[in-house]
Amino acid sequence: MLESPATTDRSPAGTRVLDAAKGVLVVLRRCTMAEAFAEILAVAARYQIGALAVSKALLELTEGRQTNHAGPPQEAAYRAWANLFELLRIADPAS
């Protein structure tokens, strides 16, 4: 499998971002960490951006801090995962 430079970032900050993004997907998709990582890599490859950048954008989306027009990583995260957050709002109308 080809690795983007962002997937080879072994810094503690990069690792934390990827781990947090994988955790978000594990909760939302009810998948394994390996499946979440594969999904992040697939989205990064589909939009030709780094996995770390799309992971950061997923975390921004989780926090409600971005829109789909902020830049390529944010647009990719929005297109790939915004529907999951909408499903949460439908399931819990009090939020």
C-alpha atoms as a PDB file:
ATOM      1  CA  MET A   1       0.000   0.000   0.000  1.00  0.00           C
ATOM      2  CA  LEU A   2       1.263   3.465  -0.817  1.00  0.00           C
ATOM      3  CA  GLU A   3       1.775   5.723   2.150  1.00  0.00           C
ATOM      4  CA  SER A   4       1.364   9.446   1.987  1.00  0.00           C
ATOM      5  CA  PRO A   5       3.914  11.548   3.894  1.00  0.00           C
ATOM      6  CA  ALA A   6       1.227  12.254   6.480  1.00  0.00           C
ATOM      7  CA  THR A   7       0.877   8.564   7.333  1.00  0.00           C
ATOM      8  CA  THR A   8       4.581   8.305   8.090  1.00  0.00           C
ATOM      9  CA  ASP A   9       4.557  11.248  10.544  1.00  0.00           C
ATOM     10  CA  ARG A  10       5.753   9.605  13.726  1.00  0.00           C
ATOM     11  CA  SER A  11       5.624  12.735  15.874  1.00  0.00           C
ATOM     12  CA  PRO A  12       3.584  12.512  19.075  1.00  0.00           C
ATOM     13  CA  ALA A  13       1.246  15.232  17.791  1.00  0.00           C
ATOM     14  CA  GLY A  14       0.656  13.430  14.489  1.00  0.00           C
ATOM     15  CA  THR A  15       0.049  10.157  16.282  1.00  0.00           C
ATOM     16  CA  ARG A  16      -2.466  11.795  18.627  1.00  0.00           C
ATOM     17  CA  VAL A  17      -4.369  13.354  15.733  1.00  0.00           C
ATOM     18  CA  LEU A  18      -4.575  10.066  13.835  1.00  0.00           C
ATOM     19  CA  ASP A  19      -5.543   8.138  16.974  1.00  0.00           C
ATOM     20  CA  ALA A  20      -8.255  10.666  17.847  1.00  0.00           C
ATOM     21  CA  ALA A  21      -9.650  10.594  14.300  1.00  0.00           C
ATOM     22  CA  LYS A  22      -9.669   6.797  14.315  1.00  0.00           C
ATOM     23  CA  GLY A  23     -11.495   6.908  17.653  1.00  0.00           C
ATOM     24  CA  VAL A  24     -14.180   9.171  16.210  1.00  0.00           C
ATOM     25  CA  LEU A  25     -14.783   6.735  13.376  1.00  0.00           C
ATOM     26  CA  VAL A  26     -14.777   3.734  15.726  1.00  0.00           C
ATOM     27  CA  VAL A  27     -17.602   5.351  17.677  1.00  0.00           C
ATOM     28  CA  LEU A  28     -19.566   6.618  14.683  1.00  0.00           C
ATOM     29  CA  ARG A  29     -19.140   3.573  12.464  1.00  0.00           C
ATOM     30  CA  ARG A  30     -18.830   0.952  15.208  1.00  0.00           C
ATOM     31  CA  CYS A  31     -15.789  -0.404  13.435  1.00  0.00           C
ATOM     32  CA  THR A  32     -12.309  -1.509  14.481  1.00  0.00           C
ATOM     33  CA  MET A  33      -9.319   0.798  14.731  1.00  0.00           C
ATOM     34  CA  ALA A  34      -7.840  -0.921  11.666  1.00  0.00           C
ATOM     35  CA  GLU A  35     -11.021  -0.322   9.677  1.00  0.00           C
ATOM     36  CA  ALA A  36     -11.104   3.315  10.787  1.00  0.00           C
ATOM     37  CA  PHE A  37      -7.489   3.805   9.717  1.00  0.00           C
ATOM     38  CA  ALA A  38      -8.220   2.175   6.353  1.00  0.00           C
ATOM     39  CA  GLU A  39     -11.160   4.556   5.890  1.00  0.00           C
ATOM     40  CA  ILE A  40      -8.990   7.582   6.664  1.00  0.00           C
ATOM     41  CA  LEU A  41      -6.405   6.374   4.146  1.00  0.00           C
ATOM     42  CA  ALA A  42      -9.113   5.766   1.534  1.00  0.00           C
ATOM     43  CA  VAL A  43     -10.556   9.273   1.940  1.00  0.00           C
ATOM     44  CA  ALA A  44      -7.071  10.782   1.790  1.00  0.00           C
ATOM     45  CA  ALA A  45      -6.298   8.840  -1.391  1.00  0.00           C
ATOM     46  CA  ARG A  46      -9.661   9.648  -2.991  1.00  0.00           C
ATOM     47  CA  TYR A  47      -9.122  13.379  -2.510  1.00  0.00           C
ATOM     48  CA  GLN A  48      -5.331  13.244  -2.983  1.00  0.00           C
ATOM     49  CA  ILE A  49      -4.516  14.817   0.366  1.00  0.00           C
ATOM     50  CA  GLY A  50      -2.531  13.601   3.342  1.00  0.00           C
ATOM     51  CA  ALA A  51      -4.054  11.300   5.921  1.00  0.00           C
ATOM     52  CA  LEU A  52      -2.978  13.606   8.740  1.00  0.00           C
ATOM     53  CA  ALA A  53      -4.660  16.599   7.075  1.00  0.00           C
ATOM     54  CA  VAL A  54      -7.928  14.713   6.593  1.00  0.00           C
ATOM     55  CA  SER A  55      -7.695  13.432  10.184  1.00  0.00           C
ATOM     56  CA  LYS A  56      -7.349  16.992  11.479  1.00  0.00           C
ATOM     57  CA  ALA A  57     -10.326  18.021   9.348  1.00  0.00           C
ATOM     58  CA  LEU A  58     -12.391  15.143  10.762  1.00  0.00           C
ATOM     59  CA  LEU A  59     -11.610  16.354  14.278  1.00  0.00           C
ATOM     60  CA  GLU A  60     -12.616  19.895  13.300  1.00  0.00           C
ATOM     61  CA  LEU A  61     -15.868  18.514  11.907  1.00  0.00           C
ATOM     62  CA  THR A  62     -16.420  16.607  15.145  1.00  0.00           C
ATOM     63  CA  GLU A  63     -15.974  19.807  17.131  1.00  0.00           C
ATOM     64  CA  GLY A  64     -18.283  21.718  14.793  1.00  0.00           C
ATOM     65  CA  ARG A  65     -15.476  24.126  13.871  1.00  0.00           C
ATOM     66  CA  GLN A  66     -15.451  23.874  10.096  1.00  0.00           C
ATOM     67  CA  THR A  67     -17.540  23.953   6.978  1.00  0.00           C
ATOM     68  CA  ASN A  68     -17.077  22.140   3.707  1.00  0.00           C
ATOM     69  CA  HIS A  69     -15.606  25.272   2.104  1.00  0.00           C
ATOM     70  CA  ALA A  70     -12.559  25.828   4.349  1.00  0.00           C
ATOM     71  CA  GLY A  71     -10.075  23.935   2.160  1.00  0.00           C
ATOM     72  CA  PRO A  72      -9.441  20.582   0.475  1.00  0.00           C
ATOM     73  CA  PRO A  73      -9.013  18.545   3.705  1.00  0.00           C
ATOM     74  CA  GLN A  74     -12.130  20.069   5.257  1.00  0.00           C
ATOM     75  CA  GLU A  75     -14.137  19.519   2.088  1.00  0.00           C
ATOM     76  CA  ALA A  76     -12.998  15.884   1.971  1.00  0.00           C
ATOM     77  CA  ALA A  77     -13.948  15.319   5.620  1.00  0.00           C
ATOM     78  CA  TYR A  78     -17.298  17.013   5.109  1.00  0.00           C
ATOM     79  CA  ARG A  79     -18.122  14.924   2.047  1.00  0.00           C
ATOM     80  CA  ALA A  80     -16.976  11.690   3.676  1.00  0.00           C
ATOM     81  CA  TRP A  81     -18.368  12.043   7.193  1.00  0.00           C
ATOM     82  CA  ALA A  82     -20.824  14.932   7.664  1.00  0.00           C
ATOM     83  CA  ASN A  83     -23.751  12.555   7.146  1.00  0.00           C
ATOM     84  CA  LEU A  84     -22.660  10.577  10.234  1.00  0.00           C
ATOM     85  CA  PHE A  85     -23.061  13.662  12.403  1.00  0.00           C
ATOM     86  CA  GLU A  86     -26.430  14.403  10.845  1.00  0.00           C
ATOM     87  CA  LEU A  87     -27.544  10.883  11.747  1.00  0.00           C
ATOM     88  CA  LEU A  88     -26.542  11.570  15.358  1.00  0.00           C
ATOM     89  CA  ARG A  89     -28.649  14.741  15.396  1.00  0.00           C
ATOM     90  CA  ILE A  90     -31.643  12.828  14.039  1.00  0.00           C
ATOM     91  CA  ALA A  91     -31.202  10.058  16.602  1.00  0.00           C
ATOM     92  CA  ASP A  92     -30.896  12.567  19.478  1.00  0.00           C
ATOM     93  CA  PRO A  93     -33.090  15.577  18.673  1.00  0.00           C
ATOM     94  CA  ALA A  94     -32.322  17.130  22.083  1.00  0.00           C
ATOM     95  CA  SER A  95     -28.740  17.899  20.988  1.00  0.00           C
END
